[in-house]
Amino acid sequence: MNVAFKPAATPDATDPAPPPAGADRFAMLDGWRAASILLVLAGLGPAAWVLQRLFTNRVAAYIATVSYALYILHGALVDTWLGSGGKLVKYAKRPLLLALTFGLAHLSTFRFEQPCVQLATRWTRGLTVKTPA
């Protein structure tokens, strides 16, 4: 059996440069994970009352109520005229995008989602689900 030996490929100008040693050591601690870790640590410490006040006020409760609609609508609105243009134009339109997103999320939550949930609750009141024995 004749097996040809192939030398390791030599890097050329088209190969990307390898990252510096230790560059990815903290890659898992991106912004969201770091913020989450800090919130957990702050919640365990003596300043937990600050987090409690931050997350148990009326504004936080309202944002939590409309959060699903915000999540759905912001993606759709960013793909419209409000999300187009150069960097400066996008930032100039950002307040309008924010106001329209919150306005539509409010309407969606309180005029569509909650009435539908209430209707479904009335329709299913008294129904039982039989589980297999």
N, C-alpha and C. Protein backbone atom coordinates (compact mmCIF):
# COMPACT_ATOMS: atom_id res chain seq x y z
N MET A 1 0.84 -1.17 0.00
CA MET A 1 0.00 0.00 0.00
C MET A 1 0.88 1.23 0.00
N ASN A 2 0.67 2.07 -0.97
CA ASN A 2 1.48 3.26 -1.13
C ASN A 2 0.71 4.46 -0.61
N VAL A 3 1.14 5.05 0.50
CA VAL A 3 0.47 6.21 1.09
C VAL A 3 1.38 7.41 0.91
N ALA A 4 0.87 8.41 0.29
CA ALA A 4 1.68 9.62 0.06
C ALA A 4 1.63 10.50 1.30
N PHE A 5 2.75 11.04 1.64
CA PHE A 5 2.85 11.94 2.79
C PHE A 5 2.59 13.37 2.31
N LYS A 6 1.64 14.05 2.99
CA LYS A 6 1.36 15.44 2.65
C LYS A 6 1.87 16.32 3.78
N PRO A 7 2.74 17.25 3.48
CA PRO A 7 3.20 18.15 4.53
C PRO A 7 2.06 19.07 4.97
N ALA A 8 2.16 19.57 6.18
CA ALA A 8 1.15 20.50 6.70
C ALA A 8 1.10 21.73 5.81
N ALA A 9 -0.09 22.24 5.66
CA ALA A 9 -0.25 23.42 4.81
C ALA A 9 0.51 24.60 5.41
N THR A 10 1.15 25.31 4.57
CA THR A 10 1.88 26.49 5.04
C THR A 10 0.96 27.69 4.91
N PRO A 11 0.99 28.57 5.90
CA PRO A 11 0.09 29.74 5.82
C PRO A 11 0.52 30.66 4.68
N ASP A 12 -0.46 31.23 4.03
CA ASP A 12 -0.16 32.20 3.00
C ASP A 12 -0.91 33.50 3.32
N ALA A 13 -0.89 34.43 2.42
CA ALA A 13 -1.46 35.75 2.68
C ALA A 13 -2.98 35.73 2.82
N THR A 14 -3.65 34.67 2.33
CA THR A 14 -5.11 34.64 2.40
C THR A 14 -5.61 34.04 3.71
N ASP A 15 -4.75 33.36 4.46
CA ASP A 15 -5.18 32.78 5.74
C ASP A 15 -5.35 33.88 6.77
N PRO A 16 -6.44 33.80 7.56
CA PRO A 16 -6.60 34.81 8.61
C PRO A 16 -5.53 34.63 9.68
N ALA A 17 -5.13 35.73 10.27
CA ALA A 17 -4.11 35.67 11.32
C ALA A 17 -4.71 35.03 12.57
N PRO A 18 -3.96 34.17 13.23
CA PRO A 18 -4.49 33.56 14.45
C PRO A 18 -4.66 34.61 15.54
N PRO A 19 -5.63 34.41 16.43
CA PRO A 19 -5.82 35.39 17.50
C PRO A 19 -4.64 35.36 18.45
N PRO A 20 -4.37 36.47 19.11
CA PRO A 20 -3.26 36.48 20.05
C PRO A 20 -3.54 35.52 21.21
N ALA A 21 -2.48 35.02 21.81
CA ALA A 21 -2.63 34.06 22.91
C ALA A 21 -3.43 34.69 24.04
N GLY A 22 -4.41 33.96 24.53
CA GLY A 22 -5.23 34.42 25.65
C GLY A 22 -6.31 35.41 25.25
N ALA A 23 -6.50 35.67 23.97
CA ALA A 23 -7.48 36.66 23.53
C ALA A 23 -8.90 36.23 23.81
N ASP A 24 -9.17 34.93 23.78
CA ASP A 24 -10.54 34.46 23.97
C ASP A 24 -10.78 33.98 25.40
N ARG A 25 -9.91 34.33 26.32
CA ARG A 25 -10.04 33.86 27.70
C ARG A 25 -11.35 34.33 28.32
N PHE A 26 -11.75 35.57 28.03
CA PHE A 26 -12.97 36.12 28.62
C PHE A 26 -14.08 36.27 27.60
N ALA A 27 -14.01 35.51 26.51
CA ALA A 27 -15.01 35.63 25.45
C ALA A 27 -16.40 35.25 25.94
N MET A 28 -16.49 34.32 26.91
CA MET A 28 -17.82 33.91 27.38
C MET A 28 -18.47 35.00 28.24
N LEU A 29 -17.70 35.96 28.69
CA LEU A 29 -18.26 37.03 29.51
C LEU A 29 -18.60 38.23 28.65
N ASP A 30 -19.49 38.03 27.69
CA ASP A 30 -19.93 39.16 26.88
C ASP A 30 -20.83 40.05 27.73
N GLY A 31 -21.33 41.09 27.16
CA GLY A 31 -22.08 42.09 27.92
C GLY A 31 -23.26 41.56 28.71
N TRP A 32 -24.10 40.74 28.08
CA TRP A 32 -25.30 40.26 28.76
C TRP A 32 -24.97 39.30 29.89
N ARG A 33 -24.04 38.42 29.64
CA ARG A 33 -23.67 37.48 30.71
C ARG A 33 -23.02 38.20 31.87
N ALA A 34 -22.17 39.16 31.58
CA ALA A 34 -21.53 39.91 32.65
C ALA A 34 -22.57 40.69 33.45
N ALA A 35 -23.53 41.31 32.76
CA ALA A 35 -24.59 42.04 33.47
C ALA A 35 -25.43 41.09 34.32
N SER A 36 -25.71 39.92 33.81
CA SER A 36 -26.49 38.93 34.57
C SER A 36 -25.74 38.50 35.83
N ILE A 37 -24.47 38.26 35.68
CA ILE A 37 -23.67 37.85 36.84
C ILE A 37 -23.63 38.96 37.87
N LEU A 38 -23.47 40.20 37.43
CA LEU A 38 -23.45 41.32 38.36
C LEU A 38 -24.79 41.48 39.06
N LEU A 39 -25.90 41.29 38.35
CA LEU A 39 -27.22 41.39 38.98
C LEU A 39 -27.42 40.31 40.04
N VAL A 40 -27.00 39.09 39.73
CA VAL A 40 -27.13 38.01 40.71
C VAL A 40 -26.28 38.31 41.94
N LEU A 41 -25.05 38.73 41.71
CA LEU A 41 -24.17 39.04 42.84
C LEU A 41 -24.72 40.21 43.66
N ALA A 42 -25.27 41.21 43.00
CA ALA A 42 -25.84 42.34 43.72
C ALA A 42 -27.08 41.92 44.50
N GLY A 43 -27.84 40.97 43.95
CA GLY A 43 -29.03 40.49 44.64
C GLY A 43 -28.71 39.68 45.87
N LEU A 44 -27.52 39.12 45.91
CA LEU A 44 -27.11 38.33 47.07
C LEU A 44 -26.47 39.19 48.16
N GLY A 45 -26.09 40.39 47.81
CA GLY A 45 -25.37 41.25 48.74
C GLY A 45 -26.29 42.13 49.57
N PRO A 46 -25.69 43.02 50.34
CA PRO A 46 -26.47 43.89 51.22
C PRO A 46 -27.26 44.95 50.46
N ALA A 47 -26.95 45.20 49.20
CA ALA A 47 -27.66 46.22 48.43
C ALA A 47 -28.81 45.62 47.61
N ALA A 48 -29.35 44.50 48.02
CA ALA A 48 -30.43 43.86 47.27
C ALA A 48 -31.67 44.73 47.20
N TRP A 49 -31.85 45.62 48.15
CA TRP A 49 -33.02 46.50 48.14
C TRP A 49 -33.02 47.41 46.92
N VAL A 50 -31.83 47.74 46.40
CA VAL A 50 -31.75 48.59 45.21
C VAL A 50 -32.36 47.86 44.02
N LEU A 51 -32.01 46.60 43.85
CA LEU A 51 -32.60 45.81 42.76
C LEU A 51 -34.09 45.63 42.94
N GLN A 52 -34.51 45.44 44.18
CA GLN A 52 -35.93 45.26 44.44
C GLN A 52 -36.71 46.51 44.05
N ARG A 53 -36.18 47.67 44.38
CA ARG A 53 -36.86 48.92 43.99
C ARG A 53 -36.83 49.12 42.49
N LEU A 54 -35.72 48.72 41.86
CA LEU A 54 -35.58 48.88 40.42
C LEU A 54 -36.59 48.04 39.64
N PHE A 55 -36.84 46.82 40.11
CA PHE A 55 -37.69 45.89 39.36
C PHE A 55 -39.11 45.75 39.90
N THR A 56 -39.48 46.45 40.95
CA THR A 56 -40.85 46.32 41.49
C THR A 56 -41.57 47.65 41.51
N ASN A 57 -41.31 48.50 40.54
CA ASN A 57 -42.05 49.75 40.45
C ASN A 57 -43.03 49.69 39.29
N ARG A 58 -43.84 50.72 39.13
CA ARG A 58 -44.89 50.70 38.11
C ARG A 58 -44.33 50.68 36.68
N VAL A 59 -43.24 51.39 36.46
CA VAL A 59 -42.65 51.42 35.12
C VAL A 59 -42.14 50.03 34.73
N ALA A 60 -41.45 49.37 35.66
CA ALA A 60 -40.95 48.02 35.38
C ALA A 60 -42.11 47.05 35.16
N ALA A 61 -43.18 47.20 35.94
CA ALA A 61 -44.34 46.32 35.78
C ALA A 61 -45.00 46.54 34.40
N TYR A 62 -45.08 47.80 33.97
CA TYR A 62 -45.67 48.09 32.66
C TYR A 62 -44.81 47.49 31.55
N ILE A 63 -43.50 47.69 31.62
CA ILE A 63 -42.60 47.14 30.59
C ILE A 63 -42.70 45.62 30.57
N ALA A 64 -42.82 45.01 31.74
CA ALA A 64 -42.97 43.55 31.79
C ALA A 64 -44.28 43.12 31.15
N THR A 65 -45.33 43.92 31.32
CA THR A 65 -46.63 43.57 30.75
C THR A 65 -46.62 43.63 29.23
N VAL A 66 -45.97 44.64 28.66
CA VAL A 66 -45.96 44.79 27.20
C VAL A 66 -44.71 44.20 26.55
N SER A 67 -43.89 43.49 27.31
CA SER A 67 -42.59 43.05 26.81
C SER A 67 -42.69 42.11 25.60
N TYR A 68 -43.65 41.21 25.59
CA TYR A 68 -43.75 40.29 24.45
C TYR A 68 -44.10 41.05 23.18
N ALA A 69 -45.03 41.99 23.28
CA ALA A 69 -45.38 42.79 22.11
C ALA A 69 -44.20 43.66 21.68
N LEU A 70 -43.44 44.19 22.64
CA LEU A 70 -42.23 44.95 22.29
C LEU A 70 -41.27 44.08 21.50
N TYR A 71 -41.09 42.86 21.97
CA TYR A 71 -40.17 41.92 21.33
C TYR A 71 -40.59 41.62 19.89
N ILE A 72 -41.87 41.38 19.70
CA ILE A 72 -42.37 41.05 18.36
C ILE A 72 -42.34 42.27 17.45
N LEU A 73 -42.81 43.41 17.94
CA LEU A 73 -42.97 44.58 17.08
C LEU A 73 -41.67 45.29 16.74
N HIS A 74 -40.70 45.28 17.65
CA HIS A 74 -39.48 46.04 17.35
C HIS A 74 -38.75 45.46 16.14
N GLY A 75 -38.77 44.14 16.02
CA GLY A 75 -38.12 43.51 14.87
C GLY A 75 -38.80 43.87 13.56
N ALA A 76 -40.13 43.93 13.60
CA ALA A 76 -40.87 44.28 12.39
C ALA A 76 -40.67 45.74 12.02
N LEU A 77 -40.65 46.62 13.01
CA LEU A 77 -40.51 48.05 12.72
C LEU A 77 -39.09 48.43 12.30
N VAL A 78 -38.10 47.70 12.78
CA VAL A 78 -36.72 48.00 12.38
C VAL A 78 -36.53 47.71 10.89
N ASP A 79 -37.30 46.78 10.35
CA ASP A 79 -37.18 46.44 8.93
C ASP A 79 -37.99 47.37 8.04
N THR A 80 -38.55 48.44 8.58
CA THR A 80 -39.30 49.40 7.78
C THR A 80 -38.44 50.63 7.53
N TRP A 81 -39.07 51.70 7.08
CA TRP A 81 -38.40 52.97 6.83
C TRP A 81 -37.68 53.48 8.08
N LEU A 82 -38.20 53.14 9.26
CA LEU A 82 -37.62 53.62 10.50
C LEU A 82 -36.23 53.04 10.76
N GLY A 83 -35.92 51.92 10.17
CA GLY A 83 -34.62 51.31 10.38
C GLY A 83 -33.69 51.47 9.20
N SER A 84 -34.08 52.27 8.22
CA SER A 84 -33.25 52.41 7.02
C SER A 84 -32.43 53.69 7.08
N GLY A 85 -31.45 53.76 6.22
CA GLY A 85 -30.62 54.96 6.12
C GLY A 85 -29.25 54.75 6.72
N GLY A 86 -28.47 55.79 6.65
CA GLY A 86 -27.13 55.74 7.21
C GLY A 86 -27.18 55.80 8.73
N LYS A 87 -26.01 55.76 9.33
CA LYS A 87 -25.91 55.71 10.78
C LYS A 87 -26.58 56.93 11.43
N LEU A 88 -26.29 58.11 10.94
CA LEU A 88 -26.85 59.33 11.51
C LEU A 88 -28.37 59.39 11.32
N VAL A 89 -28.84 58.98 10.16
CA VAL A 89 -30.28 58.98 9.88
C VAL A 89 -31.00 57.99 10.79
N LYS A 90 -30.42 56.81 10.97
CA LYS A 90 -31.04 55.81 11.86
C LYS A 90 -31.15 56.35 13.28
N TYR A 91 -30.07 56.98 13.77
CA TYR A 91 -30.12 57.51 15.13
C TYR A 91 -31.09 58.68 15.25
N ALA A 92 -31.26 59.46 14.19
CA ALA A 92 -32.23 60.55 14.22
C ALA A 92 -33.66 60.01 14.28
N LYS A 93 -33.91 58.85 13.66
CA LYS A 93 -35.25 58.25 13.66
C LYS A 93 -35.51 57.41 14.90
N ARG A 94 -34.50 57.16 15.70
CA ARG A 94 -34.63 56.26 16.85
C ARG A 94 -35.73 56.67 17.84
N PRO A 95 -35.89 57.97 18.21
CA PRO A 95 -36.98 58.33 19.13
C PRO A 95 -38.36 58.00 18.56
N LEU A 96 -38.54 58.22 17.26
CA LEU A 96 -39.81 57.88 16.63
C LEU A 96 -40.03 56.37 16.64
N LEU A 97 -38.98 55.61 16.37
CA LEU A 97 -39.07 54.15 16.41
C LEU A 97 -39.45 53.67 17.81
N LEU A 98 -38.82 54.24 18.82
CA LEU A 98 -39.10 53.86 20.20
C LEU A 98 -40.54 54.19 20.58
N ALA A 99 -40.98 55.41 20.24
CA ALA A 99 -42.35 55.82 20.58
C ALA A 99 -43.39 54.95 19.85
N LEU A 100 -43.16 54.70 18.57
CA LEU A 100 -44.10 53.89 17.80
C LEU A 100 -44.12 52.44 18.30
N THR A 101 -42.96 51.90 18.65
CA THR A 101 -42.90 50.54 19.17
C THR A 101 -43.67 50.42 20.48
N PHE A 102 -43.46 51.36 21.40
CA PHE A 102 -44.19 51.31 22.67
C PHE A 102 -45.68 51.55 22.46
N GLY A 103 -46.04 52.47 21.56
CA GLY A 103 -47.45 52.73 21.29
C GLY A 103 -48.17 51.51 20.73
N LEU A 104 -47.56 50.88 19.74
CA LEU A 104 -48.18 49.69 19.15
C LEU A 104 -48.18 48.51 20.12
N ALA A 105 -47.13 48.39 20.94
CA ALA A 105 -47.09 47.32 21.94
C ALA A 105 -48.19 47.52 22.97
N HIS A 106 -48.43 48.77 23.36
CA HIS A 106 -49.51 49.06 24.31
C HIS A 106 -50.86 48.67 23.71
N LEU A 107 -51.11 49.11 22.48
CA LEU A 107 -52.38 48.76 21.82
C LEU A 107 -52.52 47.26 21.65
N SER A 108 -51.47 46.60 21.22
CA SER A 108 -51.52 45.16 21.01
C SER A 108 -51.81 44.42 22.31
N THR A 109 -51.16 44.83 23.39
CA THR A 109 -51.33 44.13 24.66
C THR A 109 -52.70 44.37 25.26
N PHE A 110 -53.12 45.63 25.34
CA PHE A 110 -54.35 45.95 26.07
C PHE A 110 -55.61 45.92 25.22
N ARG A 111 -55.49 45.99 23.90
CA ARG A 111 -56.68 45.96 23.04
C ARG A 111 -56.84 44.65 22.28
N PHE A 112 -55.80 43.83 22.25
CA PHE A 112 -55.90 42.57 21.53
C PHE A 112 -55.57 41.38 22.42
N GLU A 113 -54.36 41.36 22.98
CA GLU A 113 -53.90 40.18 23.70
C GLU A 113 -54.73 39.91 24.96
N GLN A 114 -54.87 40.90 25.82
CA GLN A 114 -55.61 40.68 27.07
C GLN A 114 -57.09 40.36 26.83
N PRO A 115 -57.81 41.04 25.91
CA PRO A 115 -59.19 40.62 25.63
C PRO A 115 -59.28 39.20 25.09
N CYS A 116 -58.33 38.78 24.27
CA CYS A 116 -58.34 37.40 23.76
C CYS A 116 -58.13 36.39 24.89
N VAL A 117 -57.22 36.71 25.81
CA VAL A 117 -56.98 35.81 26.95
C VAL A 117 -58.22 35.74 27.83
N GLN A 118 -58.87 36.87 28.05
CA GLN A 118 -60.10 36.88 28.86
C GLN A 118 -61.21 36.07 28.19
N LEU A 119 -61.34 36.21 26.89
CA LEU A 119 -62.35 35.45 26.15
C LEU A 119 -62.07 33.95 26.24
N ALA A 120 -60.83 33.57 26.06
CA ALA A 120 -60.46 32.15 26.14
C ALA A 120 -60.70 31.62 27.54
N THR A 121 -60.46 32.44 28.55
CA THR A 121 -60.71 32.02 29.93
C THR A 121 -62.20 31.78 30.16
N ARG A 122 -63.03 32.68 29.63
CA ARG A 122 -64.49 32.48 29.77
C ARG A 122 -64.95 31.23 29.04
N TRP A 123 -64.44 31.00 27.84
CA TRP A 123 -64.86 29.84 27.06
C TRP A 123 -64.45 28.53 27.72
N THR A 124 -63.31 28.53 28.37
CA THR A 124 -62.81 27.27 28.93
C THR A 124 -63.12 27.10 30.41
N ARG A 125 -63.84 28.03 31.00
CA ARG A 125 -64.19 27.91 32.41
C ARG A 125 -65.06 26.66 32.61
N GLY A 126 -64.70 25.87 33.55
CA GLY A 126 -65.47 24.67 33.84
C GLY A 126 -65.03 23.44 33.06
N LEU A 127 -64.18 23.61 32.06
CA LEU A 127 -63.71 22.45 31.32
C LEU A 127 -62.61 21.77 32.10
N THR A 128 -62.58 20.46 32.03
CA THR A 128 -61.51 19.71 32.68
C THR A 128 -60.74 18.93 31.64
N VAL A 129 -59.52 18.71 31.92
CA VAL A 129 -58.66 17.93 31.03
C VAL A 129 -58.50 16.56 31.64
N LYS A 130 -58.85 15.54 30.87
CA LYS A 130 -58.71 14.17 31.36
C LYS A 130 -57.30 13.69 31.04
N THR A 131 -56.64 13.23 32.05
CA THR A 131 -55.30 12.69 31.85
C THR A 131 -55.38 11.17 31.84
N PRO A 132 -54.55 10.54 31.01
CA PRO A 132 -54.57 9.08 30.97
C PRO A 132 -54.12 8.49 32.30
N ALA A 133 -54.77 7.41 32.70
CA ALA A 133 -54.45 6.79 33.99
C ALA A 133 -53.21 5.97 33.94
